[in-house]
Amino acid sequence: HDHRRLDILVNNAGIGDLDPIERTPLETYARVVAITQTSVFLGMKAT
């Protein structure tokens, strides 16, 4: 609406986790994947 175009998409947003796999809660893993990985899929799909 505002620009009538999009030429460049930079998928930069992301977060990290710190623990080894034995101490990583599923909720933490899923949140990191959602913000760091799924976001890239959603961004390219939407634009």
ModelCIF file with pLDDT and N, C-alpha, C, O atoms, coordinates in Angstrom:
data_MODEL
#
_entry.id   MODEL 
#
_entity.id                         1 
_entity.type                       polymer 
_entity.pdbx_number_of_molecules   1 
#
_entity_poly.entity_id                      1 
_entity_poly.type                           'polypeptide(L)' 
_entity_poly.nstd_linkage                   no 
_entity_poly.nstd_monomer                   no 
_entity_poly.pdbx_seq_one_letter_code       HDHRRLDILVNNAGIGDLDPIERTPLETYARVVAITQTSVFLGMKAT 
_entity_poly.pdbx_seq_one_letter_code_can   HDHRRLDILVNNAGIGDLDPIERTPLETYARVVAITQTSVFLGMKAT 
_entity_poly.pdbx_strand_id                 A 
#
loop_
_entity_poly_seq.entity_id 
_entity_poly_seq.num 
_entity_poly_seq.mon_id 
_entity_poly_seq.hetero 
1 1  HIS n 
1 2  ASP n 
1 3  HIS n 
1 4  ARG n 
1 5  ARG n 
1 6  LEU n 
1 7  ASP n 
1 8  ILE n 
1 9  LEU n 
1 10 VAL n 
1 11 ASN n 
1 12 ASN n 
1 13 ALA n 
1 14 GLY n 
1 15 ILE n 
1 16 GLY n 
1 17 ASP n 
1 18 LEU n 
1 19 ASP n 
1 20 PRO n 
1 21 ILE n 
1 22 GLU n 
1 23 ARG n 
1 24 THR n 
1 25 PRO n 
1 26 LEU n 
1 27 GLU n 
1 28 THR n 
1 29 TYR n 
1 30 ALA n 
1 31 ARG n 
1 32 VAL n 
1 33 VAL n 
1 34 ALA n 
1 35 ILE n 
1 36 THR n 
1 37 GLN n 
1 38 THR n 
1 39 SER n 
1 40 VAL n 
1 41 PHE n 
1 42 LEU n 
1 43 GLY n 
1 44 MET n 
1 45 LYS n 
1 46 ALA n 
1 47 THR n 
#
_struct_asym.id          A 
_struct_asym.entity_id   1 
#
loop_
_ma_qa_metric.id 
_ma_qa_metric.mode 
_ma_qa_metric.name 
_ma_qa_metric.software_group_id 
_ma_qa_metric.type 
1 global pLDDT . pLDDT 
2 local  pLDDT . pLDDT 
#
_ma_qa_metric_global.metric_id      1 
_ma_qa_metric_global.metric_value   97.70 
_ma_qa_metric_global.model_id       1 
_ma_qa_metric_global.ordinal_id     1 
#
loop_
_ma_qa_metric_local.label_asym_id 
_ma_qa_metric_local.label_comp_id 
_ma_qa_metric_local.label_seq_id 
_ma_qa_metric_local.metric_id 
_ma_qa_metric_local.metric_value 
_ma_qa_metric_local.model_id 
_ma_qa_metric_local.ordinal_id 
A HIS 1  2 98.00 1 1  
A ASP 2  2 98.00 1 2  
A HIS 3  2 98.00 1 3  
A ARG 4  2 97.00 1 4  
A ARG 5  2 98.00 1 5  
A LEU 6  2 98.00 1 6  
A ASP 7  2 98.00 1 7  
A ILE 8  2 98.00 1 8  
A LEU 9  2 99.00 1 9  
A VAL 10 2 99.00 1 10 
A ASN 11 2 99.00 1 11 
A ASN 12 2 98.00 1 12 
A ALA 13 2 98.00 1 13 
A GLY 14 2 97.00 1 14 
A ILE 15 2 95.00 1 15 
A GLY 16 2 94.00 1 16 
A ASP 17 2 94.00 1 17 
A LEU 18 2 92.00 1 18 
A ASP 19 2 96.00 1 19 
A PRO 20 2 98.00 1 20 
A ILE 21 2 98.00 1 21 
A GLU 22 2 98.00 1 22 
A ARG 23 2 98.00 1 23 
A THR 24 2 98.00 1 24 
A PRO 25 2 98.00 1 25 
A LEU 26 2 98.00 1 26 
A GLU 27 2 98.00 1 27 
A THR 28 2 98.00 1 28 
A TYR 29 2 98.00 1 29 
A ALA 30 2 98.00 1 30 
A ARG 31 2 98.00 1 31 
A VAL 32 2 98.00 1 32 
A VAL 33 2 98.00 1 33 
A ALA 34 2 98.00 1 34 
A ILE 35 2 98.00 1 35 
A THR 36 2 98.00 1 36 
A GLN 37 2 98.00 1 37 
A THR 38 2 98.00 1 38 
A SER 39 2 98.00 1 39 
A VAL 40 2 99.00 1 40 
A PHE 41 2 99.00 1 41 
A LEU 42 2 99.00 1 42 
A GLY 43 2 98.00 1 43 
A MET 44 2 99.00 1 44 
A LYS 45 2 98.00 1 45 
A ALA 46 2 98.00 1 46 
A THR 47 2 98.00 1 47 
#
loop_
_atom_site.group_PDB 
_atom_site.id 
_atom_site.type_symbol 
_atom_site.label_atom_id 
_atom_site.label_alt_id 
_atom_site.label_comp_id 
_atom_site.label_asym_id 
_atom_site.label_entity_id 
_atom_site.label_seq_id 
_atom_site.pdbx_PDB_ins_code 
_atom_site.Cartn_x 
_atom_site.Cartn_y 
_atom_site.Cartn_z 
_atom_site.occupancy 
_atom_site.B_iso_or_equiv 
_atom_site.pdbx_formal_charge 
_atom_site.auth_seq_id 
_atom_site.auth_comp_id 
_atom_site.auth_asym_id 
_atom_site.auth_atom_id 
_atom_site.pdbx_PDB_model_num 
ATOM 1   N N  . HIS A 1 1  ? 0.826  -1.214  0.000  1.00 98.00 ? 1  HIS A N  1 
ATOM 2   C CA . HIS A 1 1  ? 0.000  0.000   0.000  1.00 98.00 ? 1  HIS A CA 1 
ATOM 3   C C  . HIS A 1 1  ? 0.857  1.259   0.000  1.00 98.00 ? 1  HIS A C  1 
ATOM 4   O O  . HIS A 1 1  ? 0.592  2.199   -0.749 1.00 98.00 ? 1  HIS A O  1 
ATOM 5   N N  . ASP A 1 2  ? 1.885  1.272   0.843  1.00 98.00 ? 2  ASP A N  1 
ATOM 6   C CA . ASP A 1 2  ? 2.689  2.490   1.023  1.00 98.00 ? 2  ASP A CA 1 
ATOM 7   C C  . ASP A 1 2  ? 3.718  2.702   -0.081 1.00 98.00 ? 2  ASP A C  1 
ATOM 8   O O  . ASP A 1 2  ? 3.989  3.842   -0.459 1.00 98.00 ? 2  ASP A O  1 
ATOM 9   N N  . HIS A 1 3  ? 4.292  1.626   -0.601 1.00 98.00 ? 3  HIS A N  1 
ATOM 10  C CA . HIS A 1 3  ? 5.426  1.754   -1.527 1.00 98.00 ? 3  HIS A CA 1 
ATOM 11  C C  . HIS A 1 3  ? 5.177  1.161   -2.911 1.00 98.00 ? 3  HIS A C  1 
ATOM 12  O O  . HIS A 1 3  ? 5.897  1.470   -3.860 1.00 98.00 ? 3  HIS A O  1 
ATOM 13  N N  . ARG A 1 4  ? 4.171  0.321   -3.026 1.00 97.00 ? 4  ARG A N  1 
ATOM 14  C CA . ARG A 1 4  ? 3.837  -0.323  -4.300 1.00 97.00 ? 4  ARG A CA 1 
ATOM 15  C C  . ARG A 1 4  ? 4.921  -1.254  -4.806 1.00 97.00 ? 4  ARG A C  1 
ATOM 16  O O  . ARG A 1 4  ? 4.883  -1.671  -5.964 1.00 97.00 ? 4  ARG A O  1 
ATOM 17  N N  . ARG A 1 5  ? 5.880  -1.587  -3.968 1.00 98.00 ? 5  ARG A N  1 
ATOM 18  C CA . ARG A 1 5  ? 6.960  -2.472  -4.406 1.00 98.00 ? 5  ARG A CA 1 
ATOM 19  C C  . ARG A 1 5  ? 7.772  -2.957  -3.206 1.00 98.00 ? 5  ARG A C  1 
ATOM 20  O O  . ARG A 1 5  ? 7.756  -2.351  -2.134 1.00 98.00 ? 5  ARG A O  1 
ATOM 21  N N  . LEU A 1 6  ? 8.477  -4.062  -3.417 1.00 98.00 ? 6  LEU A N  1 
ATOM 22  C CA . LEU A 1 6  ? 9.484  -4.535  -2.475 1.00 98.00 ? 6  LEU A CA 1 
ATOM 23  C C  . LEU A 1 6  ? 10.572 -5.210  -3.298 1.00 98.00 ? 6  LEU A C  1 
ATOM 24  O O  . LEU A 1 6  ? 10.307 -6.144  -4.055 1.00 98.00 ? 6  LEU A O  1 
ATOM 25  N N  . ASP A 1 7  ? 11.792 -4.727  -3.139 1.00 98.00 ? 7  ASP A N  1 
ATOM 26  C CA . ASP A 1 7  ? 12.914 -5.225  -3.933 1.00 98.00 ? 7  ASP A CA 1 
ATOM 27  C C  . ASP A 1 7  ? 13.895 -6.075  -3.133 1.00 98.00 ? 7  ASP A C  1 
ATOM 28  O O  . ASP A 1 7  ? 14.570 -6.944  -3.685 1.00 98.00 ? 7  ASP A O  1 
ATOM 29  N N  . ILE A 1 8  ? 13.968 -5.818  -1.832 1.00 98.00 ? 8  ILE A N  1 
ATOM 30  C CA . ILE A 1 8  ? 14.950 -6.501  -0.986 1.00 98.00 ? 8  ILE A CA 1 
ATOM 31  C C  . ILE A 1 8  ? 14.269 -6.965  0.297  1.00 98.00 ? 8  ILE A C  1 
ATOM 32  O O  . ILE A 1 8  ? 13.563 -6.197  0.950  1.00 98.00 ? 8  ILE A O  1 
ATOM 33  N N  . LEU A 1 9  ? 14.487 -8.219  0.645  1.00 99.00 ? 9  LEU A N  1 
ATOM 34  C CA . LEU A 1 9  ? 14.053 -8.753  1.938  1.00 99.00 ? 9  LEU A CA 1 
ATOM 35  C C  . LEU A 1 9  ? 15.281 -9.261  2.669  1.00 99.00 ? 9  LEU A C  1 
ATOM 36  O O  . LEU A 1 9  ? 15.999 -10.124 2.163  1.00 99.00 ? 9  LEU A O  1 
ATOM 37  N N  . VAL A 1 10 ? 15.521 -8.731  3.853  1.00 99.00 ? 10 VAL A N  1 
ATOM 38  C CA . VAL A 1 10 ? 16.614 -9.212  4.704  1.00 99.00 ? 10 VAL A CA 1 
ATOM 39  C C  . VAL A 1 10 ? 15.994 -9.883  5.918  1.00 99.00 ? 10 VAL A C  1 
ATOM 40  O O  . VAL A 1 10 ? 15.478 -9.216  6.815  1.00 99.00 ? 10 VAL A O  1 
ATOM 41  N N  . ASN A 1 11 ? 16.051 -11.204 5.937  1.00 99.00 ? 11 ASN A N  1 
ATOM 42  C CA . ASN A 1 11 ? 15.546 -11.974 7.073  1.00 99.00 ? 11 ASN A CA 1 
ATOM 43  C C  . ASN A 1 11 ? 16.659 -12.089 8.109  1.00 99.00 ? 11 ASN A C  1 
ATOM 44  O O  . ASN A 1 11 ? 17.480 -13.005 8.061  1.00 99.00 ? 11 ASN A O  1 
ATOM 45  N N  . ASN A 1 12 ? 16.670 -11.156 9.031  1.00 98.00 ? 12 ASN A N  1 
ATOM 46  C CA . ASN A 1 12 ? 17.756 -11.074 10.000 1.00 98.00 ? 12 ASN A CA 1 
ATOM 47  C C  . ASN A 1 12 ? 17.327 -11.451 11.422 1.00 98.00 ? 12 ASN A C  1 
ATOM 48  O O  . ASN A 1 12 ? 18.166 -11.871 12.218 1.00 98.00 ? 12 ASN A O  1 
ATOM 49  N N  . ALA A 1 13 ? 16.058 -11.312 11.751 1.00 98.00 ? 13 ALA A N  1 
ATOM 50  C CA . ALA A 1 13 ? 15.606 -11.533 13.130 1.00 98.00 ? 13 ALA A CA 1 
ATOM 51  C C  . ALA A 1 13 ? 15.917 -12.950 13.599 1.00 98.00 ? 13 ALA A C  1 
ATOM 52  O O  . ALA A 1 13 ? 15.790 -13.911 12.840 1.00 98.00 ? 13 ALA A O  1 
ATOM 53  N N  . GLY A 1 14 ? 16.318 -13.064 14.840 1.00 97.00 ? 14 GLY A N  1 
ATOM 54  C CA . GLY A 1 14 ? 16.590 -14.386 15.398 1.00 97.00 ? 14 GLY A CA 1 
ATOM 55  C C  . GLY A 1 14 ? 16.972 -14.295 16.856 1.00 97.00 ? 14 GLY A C  1 
ATOM 56  O O  . GLY A 1 14 ? 17.369 -13.236 17.344 1.00 97.00 ? 14 GLY A O  1 
ATOM 57  N N  . ILE A 1 15 ? 16.850 -15.419 17.553 1.00 95.00 ? 15 ILE A N  1 
ATOM 58  C CA . ILE A 1 15 ? 17.281 -15.504 18.942 1.00 95.00 ? 15 ILE A CA 1 
ATOM 59  C C  . ILE A 1 15 ? 18.084 -16.786 19.113 1.00 95.00 ? 15 ILE A C  1 
ATOM 60  O O  . ILE A 1 15 ? 18.095 -17.640 18.226 1.00 95.00 ? 15 ILE A O  1 
ATOM 61  N N  . GLY A 1 16 ? 18.753 -16.921 20.248 1.00 94.00 ? 16 GLY A N  1 
ATOM 62  C CA . GLY A 1 16 ? 19.544 -18.111 20.507 1.00 94.00 ? 16 GLY A CA 1 
ATOM 63  C C  . GLY A 1 16 ? 19.137 -18.812 21.785 1.00 94.00 ? 16 GLY A C  1 
ATOM 64  O O  . GLY A 1 16 ? 18.316 -18.311 22.553 1.00 94.00 ? 16 GLY A O  1 
ATOM 65  N N  . ASP A 1 17 ? 19.724 -19.978 22.001 1.00 94.00 ? 17 ASP A N  1 
ATOM 66  C CA . ASP A 1 17 ? 19.595 -20.694 23.263 1.00 94.00 ? 17 ASP A CA 1 
ATOM 67  C C  . ASP A 1 17 ? 21.002 -21.030 23.723 1.00 94.00 ? 17 ASP A C  1 
ATOM 68  O O  . ASP A 1 17 ? 21.964 -20.809 22.986 1.00 94.00 ? 17 ASP A O  1 
ATOM 69  N N  . LEU A 1 18 ? 21.134 -21.556 24.924 1.00 92.00 ? 18 LEU A N  1 
ATOM 70  C CA . LEU A 1 18 ? 22.471 -21.700 25.496 1.00 92.00 ? 18 LEU A CA 1 
ATOM 71  C C  . LEU A 1 18 ? 22.824 -23.101 25.966 1.00 92.00 ? 18 LEU A C  1 
ATOM 72  O O  . LEU A 1 18 ? 23.998 -23.473 25.957 1.00 92.00 ? 18 LEU A O  1 
ATOM 73  N N  . ASP A 1 19 ? 21.834 -23.888 26.378 1.00 96.00 ? 19 ASP A N  1 
ATOM 74  C CA . ASP A 1 19 ? 22.106 -25.141 27.077 1.00 96.00 ? 19 ASP A CA 1 
ATOM 75  C C  . ASP A 1 19 ? 22.396 -26.304 26.138 1.00 96.00 ? 19 ASP A C  1 
ATOM 76  O O  . ASP A 1 19 ? 22.102 -26.222 24.946 1.00 96.00 ? 19 ASP A O  1 
ATOM 77  N N  . PRO A 1 20 ? 22.974 -27.397 26.663 1.00 98.00 ? 20 PRO A N  1 
ATOM 78  C CA . PRO A 1 20 ? 23.076 -28.627 25.882 1.00 98.00 ? 20 PRO A CA 1 
ATOM 79  C C  . PRO A 1 20 ? 21.688 -29.237 25.694 1.00 98.00 ? 20 PRO A C  1 
ATOM 80  O O  . PRO A 1 20 ? 20.736 -28.838 26.365 1.00 98.00 ? 20 PRO A O  1 
ATOM 81  N N  . ILE A 1 21 ? 21.578 -30.185 24.800 1.00 98.00 ? 21 ILE A N  1 
ATOM 82  C CA . ILE A 1 21 ? 20.264 -30.727 24.456 1.00 98.00 ? 21 ILE A CA 1 
ATOM 83  C C  . ILE A 1 21 ? 19.560 -31.355 25.662 1.00 98.00 ? 21 ILE A C  1 
ATOM 84  O O  . ILE A 1 21 ? 18.335 -31.293 25.764 1.00 98.00 ? 21 ILE A O  1 
ATOM 85  N N  . GLU A 1 22 ? 20.332 -31.964 26.580 1.00 98.00 ? 22 GLU A N  1 
ATOM 86  C CA . GLU A 1 22 ? 19.711 -32.622 27.734 1.00 98.00 ? 22 GLU A CA 1 
ATOM 87  C C  . GLU A 1 22 ? 18.972 -31.651 28.638 1.00 98.00 ? 22 GLU A C  1 
ATOM 88  O O  . GLU A 1 22 ? 18.035 -32.036 29.337 1.00 98.00 ? 22 GLU A O  1 
ATOM 89  N N  . ARG A 1 23 ? 19.392 -30.393 28.626 1.00 98.00 ? 23 ARG A N  1 
ATOM 90  C CA . ARG A 1 23 ? 18.778 -29.404 29.530 1.00 98.00 ? 23 ARG A CA 1 
ATOM 91  C C  . ARG A 1 23 ? 17.933 -28.375 28.779 1.00 98.00 ? 23 ARG A C  1 
ATOM 92  O O  . ARG A 1 23 ? 17.525 -27.370 29.362 1.00 98.00 ? 23 ARG A O  1 
ATOM 93  N N  . THR A 1 24 ? 17.669 -28.609 27.514 1.00 98.00 ? 24 THR A N  1 
ATOM 94  C CA . THR A 1 24 ? 16.896 -27.658 26.721 1.00 98.00 ? 24 THR A CA 1 
ATOM 95  C C  . THR A 1 24 ? 15.419 -28.055 26.718 1.00 98.00 ? 24 THR A C  1 
ATOM 96  O O  . THR A 1 24 ? 15.073 -29.108 26.183 1.00 98.00 ? 24 THR A O  1 
ATOM 97  N N  . PRO A 1 25 ? 14.545 -27.240 27.302 1.00 98.00 ? 25 PRO A N  1 
ATOM 98  C CA . PRO A 1 25 ? 13.117 -27.555 27.274 1.00 98.00 ? 25 PRO A CA 1 
ATOM 99  C C  . PRO A 1 25 ? 12.574 -27.490 25.851 1.00 98.00 ? 25 PRO A C  1 
ATOM 100 O O  . PRO A 1 25 ? 13.057 -26.709 25.031 1.00 98.00 ? 25 PRO A O  1 
ATOM 101 N N  . LEU A 1 26 ? 11.582 -28.304 25.566 1.00 98.00 ? 26 LEU A N  1 
ATOM 102 C CA . LEU A 1 26 ? 10.955 -28.288 24.254 1.00 98.00 ? 26 LEU A CA 1 
ATOM 103 C C  . LEU A 1 26 ? 10.436 -26.899 23.924 1.00 98.00 ? 26 LEU A C  1 
ATOM 104 O O  . LEU A 1 26 ? 10.525 -26.460 22.778 1.00 98.00 ? 26 LEU A O  1 
ATOM 105 N N  . GLU A 1 27 ? 9.896  -26.206 24.911 1.00 98.00 ? 27 GLU A N  1 
ATOM 106 C CA . GLU A 1 27 ? 9.354  -24.866 24.675 1.00 98.00 ? 27 GLU A CA 1 
ATOM 107 C C  . GLU A 1 27 ? 10.439 -23.902 24.200 1.00 98.00 ? 27 GLU A C  1 
ATOM 108 O O  . GLU A 1 27 ? 10.198 -23.066 23.328 1.00 98.00 ? 27 GLU A O  1 
ATOM 109 N N  . THR A 1 28 ? 11.628 -24.024 24.776 1.00 98.00 ? 28 THR A N  1 
ATOM 110 C CA . THR A 1 28 ? 12.737 -23.168 24.354 1.00 98.00 ? 28 THR A CA 1 
ATOM 111 C C  . THR A 1 28 ? 13.158 -23.491 22.924 1.00 98.00 ? 28 THR A C  1 
ATOM 112 O O  . THR A 1 28 ? 13.344 -22.594 22.102 1.00 98.00 ? 28 THR A O  1 
ATOM 113 N N  . TYR A 1 29 ? 13.303 -24.767 22.645 1.00 98.00 ? 29 TYR A N  1 
ATOM 114 C CA . TYR A 1 29 ? 13.690 -25.201 21.296 1.00 98.00 ? 29 TYR A CA 1 
ATOM 115 C C  . TYR A 1 29 ? 12.682 -24.701 20.266 1.00 98.00 ? 29 TYR A C  1 
ATOM 116 O O  . TYR A 1 29 ? 13.063 -24.159 19.228 1.00 98.00 ? 29 TYR A O  1 
ATOM 117 N N  . ALA A 1 30 ? 11.405 -24.884 20.555 1.00 98.00 ? 30 ALA A N  1 
ATOM 118 C CA . ALA A 1 30 ? 10.364 -24.490 19.613 1.00 98.00 ? 30 ALA A CA 1 
ATOM 119 C C  . ALA A 1 30 ? 10.347 -22.984 19.400 1.00 98.00 ? 30 ALA A C  1 
ATOM 120 O O  . ALA A 1 30 ? 10.119 -22.521 18.282 1.00 98.00 ? 30 ALA A O  1 
ATOM 121 N N  . ARG A 1 31 ? 10.586 -22.215 20.455 1.00 98.00 ? 31 ARG A N  1 
ATOM 122 C CA . ARG A 1 31 ? 10.580 -20.755 20.332 1.00 98.00 ? 31 ARG A CA 1 
ATOM 123 C C  . ARG A 1 31 ? 11.754 -20.279 19.478 1.00 98.00 ? 31 ARG A C  1 
ATOM 124 O O  . ARG A 1 31 ? 11.592 -19.395 18.636 1.00 98.00 ? 31 ARG A O  1 
ATOM 125 N N  . VAL A 1 32 ? 12.922 -20.855 19.690 1.00 98.00 ? 32 VAL A N  1 
ATOM 126 C CA . VAL A 1 32 ? 14.095 -20.480 18.884 1.00 98.00 ? 32 VAL A CA 1 
ATOM 127 C C  . VAL A 1 32 ? 13.858 -20.808 17.419 1.00 98.00 ? 32 VAL A C  1 
ATOM 128 O O  . VAL A 1 32 ? 14.162 -19.997 16.544 1.00 98.00 ? 32 VAL A O  1 
ATOM 129 N N  . VAL A 1 33 ? 13.324 -21.979 17.146 1.00 98.00 ? 33 VAL A N  1 
ATOM 130 C CA . VAL A 1 33 ? 13.047 -22.368 15.762 1.00 98.00 ? 33 VAL A CA 1 
ATOM 131 C C  . VAL A 1 33 ? 12.006 -21.444 15.132 1.00 98.00 ? 33 VAL A C  1 
ATOM 132 O O  . VAL A 1 33 ? 12.149 -21.045 13.976 1.00 98.00 ? 33 VAL A O  1 
ATOM 133 N N  . ALA A 1 34 ? 10.972 -21.107 15.879 1.00 98.00 ? 34 ALA A N  1 
ATOM 134 C CA . ALA A 1 34 ? 9.911  -20.248 15.344 1.00 98.00 ? 34 ALA A CA 1 
ATOM 135 C C  . ALA A 1 34 ? 10.440 -18.877 14.946 1.00 98.00 ? 34 ALA A C  1 
ATOM 136 O O  . ALA A 1 34 ? 10.108 -18.367 13.876 1.00 98.00 ? 34 ALA A O  1 
ATOM 137 N N  . ILE A 1 35 ? 11.261 -18.281 15.805 1.00 98.00 ? 35 ILE A N  1 
ATOM 138 C CA . ILE A 1 35 ? 11.731 -16.913 15.565 1.00 98.00 ? 35 ILE A CA 1 
ATOM 139 C C  . ILE A 1 35 ? 12.912 -16.876 14.600 1.00 98.00 ? 35 ILE A C  1 
ATOM 140 O O  . ILE A 1 35 ? 13.070 -15.909 13.855 1.00 98.00 ? 35 ILE A O  1 
ATOM 141 N N  . THR A 1 36 ? 13.733 -17.907 14.603 1.00 98.00 ? 36 THR A N  1 
ATOM 142 C CA . THR A 1 36 ? 14.966 -17.896 13.825 1.00 98.00 ? 36 THR A CA 1 
ATOM 143 C C  . THR A 1 36 ? 14.837 -18.610 12.488 1.00 98.00 ? 36 THR A C  1 
ATOM 144 O O  . THR A 1 36 ? 15.491 -18.225 11.519 1.00 98.00 ? 36 THR A O  1 
ATOM 145 N N  . GLN A 1 37 ? 14.007 -19.640 12.421 1.00 98.00 ? 37 GLN A N  1 
ATOM 146 C CA . GLN A 1 37 ? 13.871 -20.434 11.196 1.00 98.00 ? 37 GLN A CA 1 
ATOM 147 C C  . GLN A 1 37 ? 12.524 -20.246 10.513 1.00 98.00 ? 37 GLN A C  1 
ATOM 148 O O  . GLN A 1 37 ? 12.468 -19.885 9.338  1.00 98.00 ? 37 GLN A O  1 
ATOM 149 N N  . THR A 1 38 ? 11.430 -20.490 11.247 1.00 98.00 ? 38 THR A N  1 
ATOM 150 C CA . THR A 1 38 ? 10.100 -20.388 10.635 1.00 98.00 ? 38 THR A CA 1 
ATOM 151 C C  . THR A 1 38 ? 9.864  -18.980 10.105 1.00 98.00 ? 38 THR A C  1 
ATOM 152 O O  . THR A 1 38 ? 9.160  -18.801 9.111  1.00 98.00 ? 38 THR A O  1 
ATOM 153 N N  . SER A 1 39 ? 10.438 -17.997 10.750 1.00 98.00 ? 39 SER A N  1 
ATOM 154 C CA . SER A 1 39 ? 10.299 -16.606 10.315 1.00 98.00 ? 39 SER A CA 1 
ATOM 155 C C  . SER A 1 39 ? 10.796 -16.409 8.891  1.00 98.00 ? 39 SER A C  1 
ATOM 156 O O  . SER A 1 39 ? 10.224 -15.621 8.137  1.00 98.00 ? 39 SER A O  1 
ATOM 157 N N  . VAL A 1 40 ? 11.848 -17.115 8.520  1.00 99.00 ? 40 VAL A N  1 
ATOM 158 C CA . VAL A 1 40 ? 12.413 -16.980 7.180  1.00 99.00 ? 40 VAL A CA 1 
ATOM 159 C C  . VAL A 1 40 ? 11.454 -17.563 6.144  1.00 99.00 ? 40 VAL A C  1 
ATOM 160 O O  . VAL A 1 40 ? 11.244 -16.979 5.081  1.00 99.00 ? 40 VAL A O  1 
ATOM 161 N N  . PHE A 1 41 ? 10.880 -18.713 6.465  1.00 99.00 ? 41 PHE A N  1 
ATOM 162 C CA . PHE A 1 41 ? 9.855  -19.311 5.604  1.00 99.00 ? 41 PHE A CA 1 
ATOM 163 C C  . PHE A 1 41 ? 8.670  -18.368 5.442  1.00 99.00 ? 41 PHE A C  1 
ATOM 164 O O  . PHE A 1 41 ? 8.212  -18.124 4.326  1.00 99.00 ? 41 PHE A O  1 
ATOM 165 N N  . LEU A 1 42 ? 8.174  -17.838 6.559  1.00 99.00 ? 42 LEU A N  1 
ATOM 166 C CA . LEU A 1 42 ? 7.015  -16.949 6.511  1.00 99.00 ? 42 LEU A CA 1 
ATOM 167 C C  . LEU A 1 42 ? 7.325  -15.667 5.746  1.00 99.00 ? 42 LEU A C  1 
ATOM 168 O O  . LEU A 1 42 ? 6.484  -15.170 4.998  1.00 99.00 ? 42 LEU A O  1 
ATOM 169 N N  . GLY A 1 43 ? 8.515  -15.140 5.929  1.00 98.00 ? 43 GLY A N  1 
ATOM 170 C CA . GLY A 1 43 ? 8.883  -13.899 5.261  1.00 98.00 ? 43 GLY A CA 1 
ATOM 171 C C  . GLY A 1 43 ? 8.944  -14.043 3.756  1.00 98.00 ? 43 GLY A C  1 
ATOM 172 O O  . GLY A 1 43 ? 8.420  -13.203 3.024  1.00 98.00 ? 43 GLY A O  1 
ATOM 173 N N  . MET A 1 44 ? 9.585  -15.110 3.292  1.00 99.00 ? 44 MET A N  1 
ATOM 174 C CA . MET A 1 44 ? 9.670  -15.307 1.852  1.00 99.00 ? 44 MET A CA 1 
ATOM 175 C C  . MET A 1 44 ? 8.307  -15.624 1.256  1.00 99.00 ? 44 MET A C  1 
ATOM 176 O O  . MET A 1 44 ? 7.999  -15.193 0.145  1.00 99.00 ? 44 MET A O  1 
ATOM 177 N N  . LYS A 1 45 ? 7.498  -16.368 1.980  1.00 98.00 ? 45 LYS A N  1 
ATOM 178 C CA . LYS A 1 45 ? 6.156  -16.696 1.501  1.00 98.00 ? 45 LYS A CA 1 
ATOM 179 C C  . LYS A 1 45 ? 5.290  -15.446 1.381  1.00 98.00 ? 45 LYS A C  1 
ATOM 180 O O  . LYS A 1 45 ? 4.608  -15.249 0.376  1.00 98.00 ? 45 LYS A O  1 
ATOM 181 N N  . ALA A 1 46 ? 5.323  -14.604 2.414  1.00 98.00 ? 46 ALA A N  1 
ATOM 182 C CA . ALA A 1 46 ? 4.454  -13.422 2.447  1.00 98.00 ? 46 ALA A CA 1 
ATOM 183 C C  . ALA A 1 46 ? 4.834  -12.373 1.418  1.00 98.00 ? 46 ALA A C  1 
ATOM 184 O O  . ALA A 1 46 ? 3.974  -11.639 0.930  1.00 98.00 ? 46 ALA A O  1 
ATOM 185 N N  . THR A 1 47 ? 6.110  -12.297 1.086  1.00 98.00 ? 47 THR A N  1 
ATOM 186 C CA . THR A 1 47 ? 6.582  -11.239 0.180  1.00 98.00 ? 47 THR A CA 1 
ATOM 187 C C  . THR A 1 47 ? 6.898  -11.747 -1.218 1.00 98.00 ? 47 THR A C  1 
ATOM 188 O O  . THR A 1 47 ? 7.304  -10.968 -2.081 1.00 98.00 ? 47 THR A O  1 
#
